Amino acid sequence: MVIVFVLLAVGVALLQKTSPGAAEDATVYVVSVNDTDVQRLDVQTADGSAGFVRADPLGWKFADSGADADLSRVSSVVNRLAKLRSSAKVQNPGDLAQYGLSPATETAVLTMKDGTDVRILIGSKTPNDAAYYAMAQGKNEVHTINTLLVGDVEKLVTQPPVPSPTAESSPSATPRGTGTPAPEAGAEDETPTPTVGLPAPSTGAP
């Protein structure tokens, strides 16, 4: 029995060596670069274009005006484009025009520290509207990518990422010295004093 157990253990070890890699190794990326090396993002959509440049020590600015851009929104898009996950790879894609990639419907360009550009081409939606076709320029590989990311790319143009204004403390409901004085204690129970020349106010229900 000891010999059988040893043989089984050796068999399991050999099987693990020859089996495919762990689940994380199965992740396929359309683009995979270091997001901290991205110095500029340019997007072109059907609604127009927008550009953003990295600001030191931390942040993003609009490329055209130099005004501050919303850090969280721009960084979120840059991070996801730098590690652009593929939902699925299209086998034998053939004519790129059928995917809206020749020419591309939208583009996103990451400019790196070394001056190189990583151009991402975004095409049309899949027939079931569950994803978009996309590819990295220079690679003859068509993938599908998340619709939420494409929506966020488009919003950089349609809803410019302007930082939210700092919330100011709200003023008090009644400024000091301008409110109506509170009635004195017991005033509501007193019988009103009649004014000379006028009928006495009623003190009870009719």
N, C-alpha and C. Protein backbone atom coordinates (compact mmCIF):
# COMPACT_ATOMS: atom_id res chain seq x y z
N MET A 1 0.82 -1.21 0.00
CA MET A 1 0.00 0.00 0.00
C MET A 1 0.86 1.26 0.00
N VAL A 2 1.98 1.19 0.71
CA VAL A 2 2.89 2.34 0.73
C VAL A 2 3.40 2.62 -0.68
N ILE A 3 3.73 1.55 -1.42
CA ILE A 3 4.25 1.73 -2.78
C ILE A 3 3.18 2.34 -3.67
N VAL A 4 1.93 1.87 -3.51
CA VAL A 4 0.83 2.42 -4.31
C VAL A 4 0.64 3.90 -4.02
N PHE A 5 0.71 4.26 -2.73
CA PHE A 5 0.53 5.66 -2.34
C PHE A 5 1.63 6.53 -2.96
N VAL A 6 2.86 6.05 -2.93
CA VAL A 6 3.98 6.81 -3.51
C VAL A 6 3.78 7.00 -5.00
N LEU A 7 3.35 5.95 -5.68
CA LEU A 7 3.13 6.04 -7.12
C LEU A 7 2.02 7.03 -7.45
N LEU A 8 0.97 7.05 -6.62
CA LEU A 8 -0.11 8.01 -6.84
C LEU A 8 0.37 9.44 -6.66
N ALA A 9 1.19 9.67 -5.63
CA ALA A 9 1.72 11.02 -5.36
C ALA A 9 2.58 11.50 -6.52
N VAL A 10 3.42 10.59 -7.06
CA VAL A 10 4.27 10.96 -8.19
C VAL A 10 3.41 11.28 -9.41
N GLY A 11 2.34 10.50 -9.60
CA GLY A 11 1.46 10.75 -10.74
C GLY A 11 0.78 12.10 -10.65
N VAL A 12 0.33 12.47 -9.45
CA VAL A 12 -0.32 13.77 -9.26
C VAL A 12 0.66 14.90 -9.54
N ALA A 13 1.90 14.76 -9.07
CA ALA A 13 2.91 15.79 -9.30
C ALA A 13 3.19 15.97 -10.79
N LEU A 14 3.29 14.87 -11.51
CA LEU A 14 3.54 14.96 -12.94
C LEU A 14 2.35 15.60 -13.67
N LEU A 15 1.15 15.29 -13.22
CA LEU A 15 -0.04 15.86 -13.85
C LEU A 15 -0.10 17.37 -13.65
N GLN A 16 0.30 17.83 -12.46
CA GLN A 16 0.29 19.27 -12.20
C GLN A 16 1.30 20.00 -13.05
N LYS A 17 2.43 19.36 -13.33
CA LYS A 17 3.46 19.99 -14.15
C LYS A 17 2.99 20.16 -15.59
N THR A 18 2.23 19.19 -16.08
CA THR A 18 1.81 19.22 -17.48
C THR A 18 0.49 19.92 -17.69
N SER A 19 -0.24 20.26 -16.60
CA SER A 19 -1.54 20.92 -16.73
C SER A 19 -1.34 22.39 -17.07
N PRO A 20 -2.39 23.07 -17.64
CA PRO A 20 -2.29 24.49 -17.97
C PRO A 20 -2.03 25.33 -16.73
N GLY A 21 -1.55 26.56 -16.95
CA GLY A 21 -1.20 27.46 -15.86
C GLY A 21 -2.40 27.84 -15.04
N ALA A 22 -2.16 28.57 -13.99
CA ALA A 22 -3.21 29.00 -13.08
C ALA A 22 -4.18 29.92 -13.80
N ALA A 23 -5.33 30.15 -13.16
CA ALA A 23 -6.41 30.91 -13.79
C ALA A 23 -5.96 32.32 -14.17
N GLU A 24 -5.11 32.94 -13.31
CA GLU A 24 -4.72 34.31 -13.61
C GLU A 24 -3.90 34.41 -14.88
N ASP A 25 -3.20 33.30 -15.26
CA ASP A 25 -2.41 33.32 -16.48
C ASP A 25 -3.29 33.28 -17.72
N ALA A 26 -4.56 32.96 -17.55
CA ALA A 26 -5.47 32.85 -18.70
C ALA A 26 -5.99 34.22 -19.14
N THR A 27 -5.75 35.27 -18.35
CA THR A 27 -6.21 36.60 -18.72
C THR A 27 -5.52 37.07 -19.99
N VAL A 28 -6.31 37.51 -20.95
CA VAL A 28 -5.77 38.00 -22.22
C VAL A 28 -5.95 39.52 -22.25
N TYR A 29 -4.89 40.23 -22.63
CA TYR A 29 -4.92 41.69 -22.70
C TYR A 29 -4.81 42.15 -24.15
N VAL A 30 -5.65 43.10 -24.50
CA VAL A 30 -5.52 43.75 -25.80
C VAL A 30 -4.29 44.65 -25.78
N VAL A 31 -4.11 45.34 -24.66
CA VAL A 31 -2.95 46.21 -24.40
C VAL A 31 -2.51 45.96 -22.97
N SER A 32 -1.22 45.92 -22.74
CA SER A 32 -0.70 45.75 -21.38
C SER A 32 0.57 46.58 -21.23
N VAL A 33 0.42 47.78 -20.63
CA VAL A 33 1.55 48.66 -20.35
C VAL A 33 1.41 49.17 -18.92
N ASN A 34 2.46 49.79 -18.43
CA ASN A 34 2.45 50.34 -17.07
C ASN A 34 1.69 51.66 -17.08
N ASP A 35 0.61 51.73 -16.32
CA ASP A 35 -0.21 52.95 -16.33
C ASP A 35 0.54 54.16 -15.82
N THR A 36 1.51 53.96 -14.93
CA THR A 36 2.27 55.11 -14.40
C THR A 36 3.22 55.69 -15.44
N ASP A 37 3.45 54.97 -16.54
CA ASP A 37 4.30 55.48 -17.62
C ASP A 37 3.52 56.27 -18.66
N VAL A 38 2.20 56.28 -18.52
CA VAL A 38 1.37 57.01 -19.47
C VAL A 38 1.42 58.50 -19.12
N GLN A 39 1.84 59.31 -20.10
CA GLN A 39 1.97 60.75 -19.86
C GLN A 39 0.84 61.56 -20.49
N ARG A 40 0.16 60.94 -21.44
CA ARG A 40 -0.91 61.69 -22.12
C ARG A 40 -1.96 60.70 -22.63
N LEU A 41 -3.21 61.16 -22.62
CA LEU A 41 -4.32 60.39 -23.18
C LEU A 41 -5.07 61.27 -24.17
N ASP A 42 -5.27 60.75 -25.37
CA ASP A 42 -6.08 61.44 -26.39
C ASP A 42 -7.17 60.49 -26.84
N VAL A 43 -8.40 60.99 -26.88
CA VAL A 43 -9.52 60.17 -27.34
C VAL A 43 -10.24 60.88 -28.48
N GLN A 44 -10.71 60.10 -29.42
CA GLN A 44 -11.47 60.61 -30.56
C GLN A 44 -12.74 59.78 -30.67
N THR A 45 -13.89 60.43 -30.58
CA THR A 45 -15.17 59.74 -30.67
C THR A 45 -16.03 60.42 -31.73
N ALA A 46 -17.22 59.90 -31.93
CA ALA A 46 -18.14 60.48 -32.89
C ALA A 46 -18.57 61.89 -32.47
N ASP A 47 -18.46 62.20 -31.18
CA ASP A 47 -18.88 63.51 -30.67
C ASP A 47 -17.76 64.52 -30.59
N GLY A 48 -16.54 64.12 -30.90
CA GLY A 48 -15.43 65.06 -30.84
C GLY A 48 -14.19 64.42 -30.26
N SER A 49 -13.30 65.24 -29.74
CA SER A 49 -12.03 64.74 -29.21
C SER A 49 -11.70 65.43 -27.89
N ALA A 50 -10.80 64.82 -27.14
CA ALA A 50 -10.34 65.38 -25.87
C ALA A 50 -8.95 64.86 -25.59
N GLY A 51 -8.14 65.69 -24.94
CA GLY A 51 -6.78 65.28 -24.60
C GLY A 51 -6.44 65.67 -23.18
N PHE A 52 -5.64 64.85 -22.53
CA PHE A 52 -5.27 65.09 -21.14
C PHE A 52 -3.79 64.77 -20.95
N VAL A 53 -3.10 65.60 -20.17
CA VAL A 53 -1.69 65.38 -19.89
C VAL A 53 -1.48 65.22 -18.39
N ARG A 54 -0.53 64.38 -18.04
CA ARG A 54 -0.27 64.14 -16.63
C ARG A 54 0.34 65.37 -15.98
N ALA A 55 -0.09 65.68 -14.78
CA ALA A 55 0.40 66.84 -14.03
C ALA A 55 1.20 66.37 -12.84
N ASP A 56 2.34 66.96 -12.59
CA ASP A 56 3.17 66.62 -11.43
C ASP A 56 2.72 67.43 -10.23
N PRO A 57 2.80 66.87 -9.03
CA PRO A 57 3.23 65.50 -8.74
C PRO A 57 2.12 64.47 -8.90
N LEU A 58 0.86 64.94 -8.95
CA LEU A 58 -0.25 64.01 -9.05
C LEU A 58 -1.43 64.73 -9.69
N GLY A 59 -1.99 64.12 -10.73
CA GLY A 59 -3.18 64.71 -11.33
C GLY A 59 -3.12 64.70 -12.84
N TRP A 60 -4.18 65.26 -13.44
CA TRP A 60 -4.30 65.36 -14.89
C TRP A 60 -4.83 66.74 -15.24
N LYS A 61 -4.41 67.24 -16.40
CA LYS A 61 -4.87 68.53 -16.89
C LYS A 61 -5.42 68.38 -18.31
N PHE A 62 -6.33 69.27 -18.67
CA PHE A 62 -6.81 69.30 -20.05
C PHE A 62 -5.64 69.75 -20.94
N ALA A 63 -5.41 69.04 -22.02
CA ALA A 63 -4.26 69.34 -22.88
C ALA A 63 -4.40 70.68 -23.57
N ASP A 64 -5.61 71.09 -23.91
CA ASP A 64 -5.78 72.33 -24.66
C ASP A 64 -5.74 73.57 -23.79
N SER A 65 -6.30 73.50 -22.59
CA SER A 65 -6.39 74.70 -21.74
C SER A 65 -5.41 74.70 -20.57
N GLY A 66 -4.92 73.53 -20.18
CA GLY A 66 -4.06 73.46 -19.02
C GLY A 66 -4.81 73.47 -17.71
N ALA A 67 -6.15 73.49 -17.77
CA ALA A 67 -6.95 73.48 -16.55
C ALA A 67 -6.95 72.10 -15.93
N ASP A 68 -7.15 72.06 -14.62
CA ASP A 68 -7.18 70.78 -13.92
C ASP A 68 -8.36 69.93 -14.39
N ALA A 69 -8.12 68.63 -14.51
CA ALA A 69 -9.17 67.68 -14.85
C ALA A 69 -9.45 66.81 -13.64
N ASP A 70 -10.61 66.19 -13.63
CA ASP A 70 -10.98 65.32 -12.53
C ASP A 70 -10.04 64.12 -12.46
N LEU A 71 -9.30 64.02 -11.38
CA LEU A 71 -8.26 62.99 -11.23
C LEU A 71 -8.85 61.59 -11.31
N SER A 72 -9.94 61.34 -10.59
CA SER A 72 -10.47 59.98 -10.52
C SER A 72 -10.99 59.50 -11.87
N ARG A 73 -11.69 60.37 -12.60
CA ARG A 73 -12.26 59.95 -13.88
C ARG A 73 -11.20 59.67 -14.92
N VAL A 74 -10.23 60.57 -15.05
CA VAL A 74 -9.19 60.37 -16.07
C VAL A 74 -8.31 59.19 -15.70
N SER A 75 -7.91 59.10 -14.45
CA SER A 75 -7.05 57.99 -14.01
C SER A 75 -7.75 56.65 -14.21
N SER A 76 -9.06 56.60 -13.93
CA SER A 76 -9.79 55.35 -14.10
C SER A 76 -9.74 54.87 -15.54
N VAL A 77 -9.93 55.78 -16.49
CA VAL A 77 -9.90 55.40 -17.90
C VAL A 77 -8.49 55.00 -18.31
N VAL A 78 -7.49 55.77 -17.88
CA VAL A 78 -6.09 55.46 -18.24
C VAL A 78 -5.69 54.09 -17.70
N ASN A 79 -6.02 53.82 -16.46
CA ASN A 79 -5.64 52.55 -15.84
C ASN A 79 -6.24 51.36 -16.58
N ARG A 80 -7.51 51.49 -16.97
CA ARG A 80 -8.18 50.38 -17.66
C ARG A 80 -7.71 50.21 -19.10
N LEU A 81 -7.36 51.32 -19.75
CA LEU A 81 -6.83 51.22 -21.11
C LEU A 81 -5.41 50.64 -21.10
N ALA A 82 -4.63 51.00 -20.08
CA ALA A 82 -3.25 50.49 -20.00
C ALA A 82 -3.23 48.98 -19.80
N LYS A 83 -4.21 48.46 -19.08
CA LYS A 83 -4.37 47.00 -18.90
C LYS A 83 -5.73 46.62 -19.48
N LEU A 84 -5.84 46.73 -20.78
CA LEU A 84 -7.12 46.52 -21.44
C LEU A 84 -7.40 45.03 -21.59
N ARG A 85 -8.36 44.56 -20.81
CA ARG A 85 -8.69 43.14 -20.81
C ARG A 85 -9.56 42.78 -22.01
N SER A 86 -9.30 41.62 -22.53
CA SER A 86 -10.10 41.08 -23.62
C SER A 86 -11.21 40.22 -23.04
N SER A 87 -12.45 40.47 -23.46
CA SER A 87 -13.54 39.60 -23.06
C SER A 87 -13.51 38.31 -23.87
N ALA A 88 -13.14 38.45 -25.14
CA ALA A 88 -13.03 37.28 -26.02
C ALA A 88 -12.21 37.69 -27.25
N LYS A 89 -11.56 36.71 -27.84
CA LYS A 89 -10.77 36.95 -29.04
C LYS A 89 -11.52 36.40 -30.24
N VAL A 90 -11.58 37.21 -31.29
CA VAL A 90 -12.26 36.79 -32.51
C VAL A 90 -11.30 35.94 -33.33
N GLN A 91 -11.69 34.74 -33.62
CA GLN A 91 -10.86 33.84 -34.40
C GLN A 91 -11.03 34.13 -35.89
N ASN A 92 -9.88 34.23 -36.59
CA ASN A 92 -9.89 34.49 -38.03
C ASN A 92 -10.79 35.67 -38.38
N PRO A 93 -10.46 36.86 -37.95
CA PRO A 93 -11.35 38.01 -38.10
C PRO A 93 -11.67 38.39 -39.54
N GLY A 94 -10.70 38.26 -40.44
CA GLY A 94 -10.97 38.62 -41.83
C GLY A 94 -11.08 40.12 -42.01
N ASP A 95 -12.09 40.55 -42.77
CA ASP A 95 -12.26 41.97 -43.08
C ASP A 95 -12.59 42.76 -41.82
N LEU A 96 -11.73 43.74 -41.49
CA LEU A 96 -11.93 44.52 -40.26
C LEU A 96 -13.11 45.47 -40.35
N ALA A 97 -13.55 45.77 -41.55
CA ALA A 97 -14.67 46.71 -41.71
C ALA A 97 -15.94 46.18 -41.07
N GLN A 98 -16.11 44.87 -41.05
CA GLN A 98 -17.33 44.31 -40.48
C GLN A 98 -17.41 44.48 -38.97
N TYR A 99 -16.28 44.86 -38.35
CA TYR A 99 -16.25 45.09 -36.90
C TYR A 99 -16.19 46.59 -36.57
N GLY A 100 -16.31 47.42 -37.59
CA GLY A 100 -16.21 48.86 -37.37
C GLY A 100 -14.79 49.31 -37.08
N LEU A 101 -13.81 48.55 -37.57
CA LEU A 101 -12.41 48.85 -37.26
C LEU A 101 -11.61 49.31 -38.48
N SER A 102 -12.26 49.47 -39.61
CA SER A 102 -11.55 49.92 -40.81
C SER A 102 -12.44 50.85 -41.62
N PRO A 103 -12.48 52.16 -41.25
CA PRO A 103 -11.70 52.77 -40.18
C PRO A 103 -12.36 52.55 -38.82
N ALA A 104 -11.61 52.85 -37.76
CA ALA A 104 -12.13 52.67 -36.41
C ALA A 104 -13.20 53.70 -36.11
N THR A 105 -14.19 53.29 -35.35
CA THR A 105 -15.25 54.20 -34.94
C THR A 105 -14.72 55.22 -33.93
N GLU A 106 -13.89 54.75 -33.01
CA GLU A 106 -13.29 55.61 -31.98
C GLU A 106 -11.85 55.16 -31.75
N THR A 107 -11.04 56.06 -31.23
CA THR A 107 -9.65 55.73 -30.92
C THR A 107 -9.26 56.31 -29.57
N ALA A 108 -8.35 55.63 -28.91
CA ALA A 108 -7.75 56.12 -27.66
C ALA A 108 -6.25 55.92 -27.78
N VAL A 109 -5.49 56.99 -27.56
CA VAL A 109 -4.04 56.94 -27.73
C VAL A 109 -3.36 57.23 -26.40
N LEU A 110 -2.52 56.30 -25.96
CA LEU A 110 -1.72 56.48 -24.75
C LEU A 110 -0.31 56.86 -25.18
N THR A 111 0.17 58.02 -24.75
CA THR A 111 1.54 58.44 -25.03
C THR A 111 2.39 58.12 -23.81
N MET A 112 3.45 57.34 -24.02
CA MET A 112 4.27 56.85 -22.93
C MET A 112 5.44 57.78 -22.62
N LYS A 113 6.15 57.49 -21.54
CA LYS A 113 7.30 58.30 -21.13
C LYS A 113 8.37 58.38 -22.20
N ASP A 114 8.57 57.27 -22.91
CA ASP A 114 9.61 57.23 -23.93
C ASP A 114 9.18 57.84 -25.26
N GLY A 115 7.98 58.41 -25.28
CA GLY A 115 7.50 59.08 -26.49
C GLY A 115 6.74 58.19 -27.45
N THR A 116 6.68 56.90 -27.18
CA THR A 116 5.94 56.00 -28.06
C THR A 116 4.44 56.11 -27.79
N ASP A 117 3.67 55.78 -28.82
CA ASP A 117 2.21 55.82 -28.71
C ASP A 117 1.64 54.41 -28.75
N VAL A 118 0.65 54.18 -27.91
CA VAL A 118 -0.11 52.93 -27.95
C VAL A 118 -1.51 53.32 -28.40
N ARG A 119 -1.87 52.91 -29.60
CA ARG A 119 -3.14 53.32 -30.19
C ARG A 119 -4.14 52.17 -30.11
N ILE A 120 -5.27 52.45 -29.49
CA ILE A 120 -6.34 51.46 -29.33
C ILE A 120 -7.49 51.83 -30.25
N LEU A 121 -7.87 50.92 -31.11
CA LEU A 121 -8.96 51.14 -32.05
C LEU A 121 -10.23 50.50 -31.50
N ILE A 122 -11.29 51.27 -31.45
CA ILE A 122 -12.57 50.77 -30.94
C ILE A 122 -13.57 50.78 -32.09
N GLY A 123 -14.22 49.66 -32.28
CA GLY A 123 -15.15 49.53 -33.39
C GLY A 123 -16.60 49.56 -32.96
N SER A 124 -17.41 48.78 -33.63
CA SER A 124 -18.85 48.76 -33.37
C SER A 124 -19.18 47.77 -32.26
N LYS A 125 -20.44 47.78 -31.86
CA LYS A 125 -20.90 46.83 -30.84
C LYS A 125 -21.08 45.44 -31.46
N THR A 126 -21.00 44.45 -30.61
CA THR A 126 -21.26 43.09 -31.05
C THR A 126 -22.76 42.95 -31.36
N PRO A 127 -23.16 41.94 -32.13
CA PRO A 127 -24.57 41.79 -32.50
C PRO A 127 -25.52 41.76 -31.31
N ASN A 128 -25.07 41.25 -30.16
CA ASN A 128 -25.96 41.19 -28.98
C ASN A 128 -25.81 42.40 -28.07
N ASP A 129 -25.05 43.42 -28.52
CA ASP A 129 -24.86 44.67 -27.76
C ASP A 129 -24.18 44.45 -26.41
N ALA A 130 -23.50 43.33 -26.23
CA ALA A 130 -22.89 43.02 -24.93
C ALA A 130 -21.45 43.51 -24.82
N ALA A 131 -20.83 43.91 -25.93
CA ALA A 131 -19.43 44.31 -25.91
C ALA A 131 -19.12 45.12 -27.17
N TYR A 132 -17.91 45.66 -27.21
CA TYR A 132 -17.43 46.38 -28.38
C TYR A 132 -16.24 45.62 -28.97
N TYR A 133 -16.08 45.70 -30.28
CA TYR A 133 -14.89 45.16 -30.91
C TYR A 133 -13.75 46.17 -30.75
N ALA A 134 -12.55 45.67 -30.54
CA ALA A 134 -11.41 46.56 -30.37
C ALA A 134 -10.12 45.83 -30.76
N MET A 135 -9.08 46.60 -31.02
CA MET A 135 -7.78 46.01 -31.32
C MET A 135 -6.70 47.06 -31.08
N ALA A 136 -5.50 46.59 -30.83
CA ALA A 136 -4.35 47.47 -30.72
C ALA A 136 -3.76 47.64 -32.11
N GLN A 137 -3.53 48.89 -32.51
CA GLN A 137 -2.98 49.11 -33.84
C GLN A 137 -1.61 48.43 -33.97
N GLY A 138 -1.42 47.76 -35.08
CA GLY A 138 -0.18 47.04 -35.30
C GLY A 138 -0.28 45.56 -35.00
N LYS A 139 -1.39 45.17 -34.36
CA LYS A 139 -1.63 43.76 -34.07
C LYS A 139 -2.86 43.30 -34.84
N ASN A 140 -2.75 42.23 -35.56
CA ASN A 140 -3.88 41.74 -36.34
C ASN A 140 -4.74 40.81 -35.50
N GLU A 141 -5.18 41.34 -34.34
CA GLU A 141 -6.01 40.57 -33.42
C GLU A 141 -7.23 41.40 -33.03
N VAL A 142 -8.39 40.85 -33.25
CA VAL A 142 -9.63 41.53 -32.87
C VAL A 142 -10.16 40.89 -31.60
N HIS A 143 -10.53 41.76 -30.65
CA HIS A 143 -11.06 41.30 -29.37
C HIS A 143 -12.39 42.00 -29.11
N THR A 144 -13.09 41.55 -28.10
CA THR A 144 -14.24 42.29 -27.59
C THR A 144 -13.87 42.82 -26.22
N ILE A 145 -14.36 44.03 -25.91
CA ILE A 145 -14.03 44.67 -24.63
C ILE A 145 -15.31 45.18 -23.97
N ASN A 146 -15.17 45.54 -22.70
CA ASN A 146 -16.29 45.94 -21.85
C ASN A 146 -16.97 47.21 -22.35
N THR A 147 -18.30 47.21 -22.36
CA THR A 147 -19.06 48.38 -22.81
C THR A 147 -18.93 49.56 -21.84
N LEU A 148 -18.77 49.27 -20.54
CA LEU A 148 -18.66 50.34 -19.55
C LEU A 148 -17.43 51.20 -19.81
N LEU A 149 -16.32 50.57 -20.15
CA LEU A 149 -15.10 51.33 -20.44
C LEU A 149 -15.31 52.23 -21.64
N VAL A 150 -15.91 51.71 -22.70
CA VAL A 150 -16.15 52.52 -23.89
C VAL A 150 -17.05 53.70 -23.55
N GLY A 151 -18.06 53.47 -22.72
CA GLY A 151 -18.94 54.56 -22.29
C GLY A 151 -18.17 55.64 -21.54
N ASP A 152 -17.23 55.23 -20.69
CA ASP A 152 -16.44 56.19 -19.93
C ASP A 152 -15.49 56.97 -20.84
N VAL A 153 -14.98 56.32 -21.88
CA VAL A 153 -14.14 57.02 -22.85
C VAL A 153 -14.96 58.09 -23.56
N GLU A 154 -16.15 57.74 -23.97
CA GLU A 154 -17.02 58.69 -24.68
C GLU A 154 -17.41 59.86 -23.79
N LYS A 155 -17.61 59.61 -22.50
CA LYS A 155 -18.01 60.68 -21.58
C LYS A 155 -16.89 61.70 -21.35
N LEU A 156 -15.65 61.32 -21.61
CA LEU A 156 -14.56 62.30 -21.50
C LEU A 156 -14.76 63.43 -22.50
N VAL A 157 -15.52 63.16 -23.57
CA VAL A 157 -15.82 64.17 -24.58
C VAL A 157 -17.16 64.83 -24.31
N THR A 158 -18.19 64.00 -24.09
CA THR A 158 -19.54 64.55 -23.93
C THR A 158 -19.78 65.17 -22.56
N GLN A 159 -19.07 64.67 -21.55
CA GLN A 159 -19.19 65.21 -20.19
C GLN A 159 -17.78 65.46 -19.66
N PRO A 160 -17.14 66.56 -20.08
CA PRO A 160 -15.75 66.81 -19.71
C PRO A 160 -15.51 66.64 -18.20
N PRO A 161 -14.42 65.97 -17.84
CA PRO A 161 -14.14 65.70 -16.42
C PRO A 161 -13.61 66.91 -15.66
N VAL A 162 -14.51 67.86 -15.42
CA VAL A 162 -14.15 69.05 -14.66
C VAL A 162 -14.27 68.71 -13.17
N PRO A 163 -13.27 69.07 -12.36
CA PRO A 163 -13.35 68.74 -10.93
C PRO A 163 -14.57 69.37 -10.27
N SER A 164 -15.15 68.66 -9.33
CA SER A 164 -16.28 69.19 -8.58
C SER A 164 -15.81 70.31 -7.67
N PRO A 165 -16.59 71.41 -7.56
CA PRO A 165 -16.18 72.50 -6.67
C PRO A 165 -16.18 72.04 -5.23
N THR A 166 -15.30 72.63 -4.45
CA THR A 166 -15.23 72.30 -3.03
C THR A 166 -16.51 72.74 -2.33
N ALA A 167 -17.09 71.83 -1.58
CA ALA A 167 -18.35 72.15 -0.89
C ALA A 167 -18.12 73.22 0.16
N GLU A 168 -18.96 74.23 0.16
CA GLU A 168 -18.88 75.31 1.14
C GLU A 168 -19.87 75.05 2.27
N SER A 169 -19.49 75.51 3.42
CA SER A 169 -20.41 75.33 4.55
C SER A 169 -21.67 76.14 4.29
N SER A 170 -22.81 75.51 4.47
CA SER A 170 -24.09 76.18 4.21
C SER A 170 -24.37 77.19 5.31
N PRO A 171 -24.92 78.37 4.94
CA PRO A 171 -25.23 79.38 5.96
C PRO A 171 -26.37 78.90 6.84
N SER A 172 -26.43 79.47 8.01
CA SER A 172 -27.49 79.09 8.94
C SER A 172 -28.83 79.51 8.36
N ALA A 173 -29.88 78.81 8.74
CA ALA A 173 -31.20 79.08 8.18
C ALA A 173 -31.66 80.50 8.46
N THR A 174 -31.36 81.01 9.65
CA THR A 174 -31.77 82.36 10.01
C THR A 174 -30.56 83.14 10.49
N PRO A 175 -30.09 84.14 9.73
CA PRO A 175 -28.92 84.91 10.15
C PRO A 175 -29.18 85.57 11.50
N ARG A 176 -28.09 85.70 12.25
CA ARG A 176 -28.21 86.29 13.59
C ARG A 176 -28.69 87.74 13.49
N GLY A 177 -29.68 88.06 14.30
CA GLY A 177 -30.15 89.44 14.35
C GLY A 177 -31.24 89.75 13.35
N THR A 178 -31.59 88.80 12.46
CA THR A 178 -32.60 89.10 11.44
C THR A 178 -33.85 88.26 11.61
N GLY A 179 -33.84 87.31 12.53
CA GLY A 179 -35.00 86.44 12.69
C GLY A 179 -36.11 87.10 13.48
N THR A 180 -37.26 86.50 13.43
CA THR A 180 -38.40 87.00 14.21
C THR A 180 -38.22 86.62 15.66
N PRO A 181 -38.35 87.59 16.60
CA PRO A 181 -38.16 87.26 18.03
C PRO A 181 -39.13 86.20 18.47
N ALA A 182 -38.66 85.32 19.32
CA ALA A 182 -39.53 84.26 19.85
C ALA A 182 -40.50 84.88 20.84
N PRO A 183 -41.73 84.39 20.89
CA PRO A 183 -42.70 84.96 21.85
C PRO A 183 -42.29 84.66 23.28
N GLU A 184 -42.63 85.57 24.17
CA GLU A 184 -42.29 85.38 25.56
C GLU A 184 -43.10 84.24 26.15
N ALA A 185 -42.54 83.60 27.15
CA ALA A 185 -43.23 82.48 27.79
C ALA A 185 -44.56 82.92 28.35
N GLY A 186 -45.59 82.16 28.06
CA GLY A 186 -46.92 82.46 28.59
C GLY A 186 -47.71 83.45 27.79
N ALA A 187 -47.10 84.02 26.72
CA ALA A 187 -47.79 85.06 25.96
C ALA A 187 -48.99 84.51 25.25
N GLU A 188 -48.95 83.24 24.82
CA GLU A 188 -50.06 82.67 24.07
C GLU A 188 -51.30 82.50 24.95
N ASP A 189 -51.12 82.45 26.29
CA ASP A 189 -52.25 82.21 27.19
C ASP A 189 -52.89 83.50 27.65
N GLU A 190 -52.25 84.64 27.36
CA GLU A 190 -52.79 85.91 27.84
C GLU A 190 -53.96 86.33 26.98
N THR A 191 -54.93 87.06 27.60
CA THR A 191 -56.06 87.63 26.86
C THR A 191 -55.60 88.91 26.19
N PRO A 192 -55.78 89.05 24.87
CA PRO A 192 -55.31 90.26 24.19
C PRO A 192 -55.95 91.51 24.78
N THR A 193 -55.17 92.57 24.87
CA THR A 193 -55.66 93.85 25.40
C THR A 193 -56.37 94.61 24.31
N PRO A 194 -57.62 95.04 24.52
CA PRO A 194 -58.35 95.76 23.47
C PRO A 194 -57.70 97.09 23.18
N THR A 195 -57.76 97.48 21.93
CA THR A 195 -57.22 98.77 21.50
C THR A 195 -58.35 99.78 21.51
N VAL A 196 -58.03 100.98 22.00
CA VAL A 196 -59.05 102.02 22.12
C VAL A 196 -59.64 102.32 20.74
N GLY A 197 -60.97 102.34 20.65
CA GLY A 197 -61.62 102.66 19.41
C GLY A 197 -61.93 101.47 18.54
N LEU A 198 -61.45 100.28 18.94
CA LEU A 198 -61.70 99.07 18.16
C LEU A 198 -62.39 98.03 19.04
N PRO A 199 -63.18 97.16 18.46
CA PRO A 199 -63.83 96.11 19.26
C PRO A 199 -62.80 95.21 19.93
N ALA A 200 -63.15 94.73 21.09
CA ALA A 200 -62.24 93.83 21.81
C ALA A 200 -62.07 92.53 21.02
N PRO A 201 -60.83 92.02 20.91
CA PRO A 201 -60.61 90.74 20.17
C PRO A 201 -61.35 89.62 20.81
N SER A 202 -61.79 88.68 20.02
CA SER A 202 -62.48 87.51 20.54
C SER A 202 -61.51 86.60 21.24
N THR A 203 -61.92 86.05 22.38
CA THR A 203 -61.05 85.16 23.14
C THR A 203 -61.48 83.72 23.04
N GLY A 204 -62.55 83.44 22.32
CA GLY A 204 -63.02 82.06 22.25
C GLY A 204 -63.61 81.76 20.90
N ALA A 205 -64.05 80.53 20.73
CA ALA A 205 -64.63 80.13 19.45
C ALA A 205 -66.01 80.72 19.33
N PRO A 206 -66.49 81.06 18.15
CA PRO A 206 -67.83 81.64 17.97
C PRO A 206 -68.90 80.64 18.33
